[in-house]
Amino acid sequence: MKIDIKDDIPPVIALECVKQVVAEGKVSTGEKGKKYYCWATSFQTSAGKIMVATRQYRKDDCFIVYIIK
């Protein structure tokens, strides 16, 4: 798993958001029945409105955390 934190978001906030996405589990079924996390989930935090997006990164998931502007 890879986590890419953008926009100088404090790591504690970014990791808490990613933790919530992972806790909800993989919710979509893709090709060949493989399960995926929701493509994007937003959170209202003390750092602003944050989006956690996912994409495939080699064989693992990659979480991209950024502020919605």
C-alpha atoms as a PDB file:
ATOM      1  CA  MET A   1       0.000   0.000   0.000  1.00  0.00           C
ATOM      2  CA  LYS A   2       1.222   3.503  -0.858  1.00  0.00           C
ATOM      3  CA  ILE A   3      -0.069   6.799   0.562  1.00  0.00           C
ATOM      4  CA  ASP A   4       0.630  10.027  -1.335  1.00  0.00           C
ATOM      5  CA  ILE A   5      -0.112  13.100   0.847  1.00  0.00           C
ATOM      6  CA  LYS A   6      -0.471  16.408  -1.012  1.00  0.00           C
ATOM      7  CA  ASP A   7      -1.052  20.067  -0.072  1.00  0.00           C
ATOM      8  CA  ASP A   8       0.975  19.928   3.178  1.00  0.00           C
ATOM      9  CA  ILE A   9      -1.791  18.020   4.953  1.00  0.00           C
ATOM     10  CA  PRO A  10      -0.593  16.949   8.399  1.00  0.00           C
ATOM     11  CA  PRO A  11       0.234  13.227   8.240  1.00  0.00           C
ATOM     12  CA  VAL A  12      -1.910  12.462  11.306  1.00  0.00           C
ATOM     13  CA  ILE A  13      -5.013  13.860   9.575  1.00  0.00           C
ATOM     14  CA  ALA A  14      -4.214  12.167   6.255  1.00  0.00           C
ATOM     15  CA  LEU A  15      -3.633   8.791   7.896  1.00  0.00           C
ATOM     16  CA  GLU A  16      -6.854   9.046   9.914  1.00  0.00           C
ATOM     17  CA  CYS A  17      -8.820   9.653   6.693  1.00  0.00           C
ATOM     18  CA  VAL A  18      -7.128   6.723   4.932  1.00  0.00           C
ATOM     19  CA  LYS A  19      -7.773   4.565   8.001  1.00  0.00           C
ATOM     20  CA  GLN A  20     -11.510   5.311   7.734  1.00  0.00           C
ATOM     21  CA  VAL A  21     -11.553   4.413   4.024  1.00  0.00           C
ATOM     22  CA  VAL A  22      -9.774   1.112   4.713  1.00  0.00           C
ATOM     23  CA  ALA A  23     -12.110   0.373   7.650  1.00  0.00           C
ATOM     24  CA  GLU A  24     -15.118   0.694   5.315  1.00  0.00           C
ATOM     25  CA  GLY A  25     -13.549  -1.972   3.136  1.00  0.00           C
ATOM     26  CA  LYS A  26     -13.434  -2.618  -0.572  1.00  0.00           C
ATOM     27  CA  VAL A  27     -16.816  -1.652  -1.981  1.00  0.00           C
ATOM     28  CA  SER A  28     -16.602  -1.994  -5.773  1.00  0.00           C
ATOM     29  CA  THR A  29     -16.084  -5.020  -7.971  1.00  0.00           C
ATOM     30  CA  GLY A  30     -13.910  -4.565 -11.045  1.00  0.00           C
ATOM     31  CA  GLU A  31     -12.706  -6.770 -13.828  1.00  0.00           C
ATOM     32  CA  LYS A  32     -12.337 -10.477 -13.075  1.00  0.00           C
ATOM     33  CA  GLY A  33     -14.242  -9.978  -9.811  1.00  0.00           C
ATOM     34  CA  LYS A  34     -11.408  -8.065  -8.119  1.00  0.00           C
ATOM     35  CA  LYS A  35     -12.570  -5.797  -5.269  1.00  0.00           C
ATOM     36  CA  TYR A  36     -11.605  -2.107  -5.138  1.00  0.00           C
ATOM     37  CA  TYR A  37     -11.944   0.702  -2.614  1.00  0.00           C
ATOM     38  CA  CYS A  38     -14.393   3.497  -3.385  1.00  0.00           C
ATOM     39  CA  TRP A  39     -12.720   5.755  -5.972  1.00  0.00           C
ATOM     40  CA  ALA A  40     -12.982   8.885  -3.814  1.00  0.00           C
ATOM     41  CA  THR A  41     -14.209   9.746  -0.313  1.00  0.00           C
ATOM     42  CA  SER A  42     -14.323  13.252   1.179  1.00  0.00           C
ATOM     43  CA  PHE A  43     -13.856  14.294   4.809  1.00  0.00           C
ATOM     44  CA  GLN A  44     -14.354  17.606   6.604  1.00  0.00           C
ATOM     45  CA  THR A  45     -11.298  18.067   8.854  1.00  0.00           C
ATOM     46  CA  SER A  46      -9.510  20.800  10.770  1.00  0.00           C
ATOM     47  CA  ALA A  47      -7.187  21.080   7.732  1.00  0.00           C
ATOM     48  CA  GLY A  48     -10.157  21.708   5.400  1.00  0.00           C
ATOM     49  CA  LYS A  49     -12.181  19.448   3.127  1.00  0.00           C
ATOM     50  CA  ILE A  50      -9.966  16.486   2.273  1.00  0.00           C
ATOM     51  CA  MET A  51     -10.399  13.931  -0.495  1.00  0.00           C
ATOM     52  CA  VAL A  52      -8.986  10.415  -0.357  1.00  0.00           C
ATOM     53  CA  ALA A  53      -8.812   8.959  -3.855  1.00  0.00           C
ATOM     54  CA  THR A  54      -7.575   5.503  -4.779  1.00  0.00           C
ATOM     55  CA  ARG A  55      -5.858   4.030  -7.793  1.00  0.00           C
ATOM     56  CA  GLN A  56      -3.919   0.918  -8.575  1.00  0.00           C
ATOM     57  CA  TYR A  57      -0.185   1.206  -7.897  1.00  0.00           C
ATOM     58  CA  ARG A  58       1.598  -1.743  -9.418  1.00  0.00           C
ATOM     59  CA  LYS A  59      -0.013  -4.634  -7.551  1.00  0.00           C
ATOM     60  CA  ASP A  60      -1.139  -2.678  -4.484  1.00  0.00           C
ATOM     61  CA  ASP A  61      -3.571   0.148  -3.805  1.00  0.00           C
ATOM     62  CA  CYS A  62      -2.420   3.768  -3.705  1.00  0.00           C
ATOM     63  CA  PHE A  63      -4.249   6.359  -1.631  1.00  0.00           C
ATOM     64  CA  ILE A  64      -3.904   9.981  -2.714  1.00  0.00           C
ATOM     65  CA  VAL A  65      -4.876  12.508  -0.032  1.00  0.00           C
ATOM     66  CA  TYR A  66      -5.438  16.149  -1.032  1.00  0.00           C
ATOM     67  CA  ILE A  67      -7.392  19.271  -0.098  1.00  0.00           C
ATOM     68  CA  ILE A  68     -10.444  20.062  -2.191  1.00  0.00           C
ATOM     69  CA  LYS A  69     -10.010  23.586  -3.487  1.00  0.00           C
END
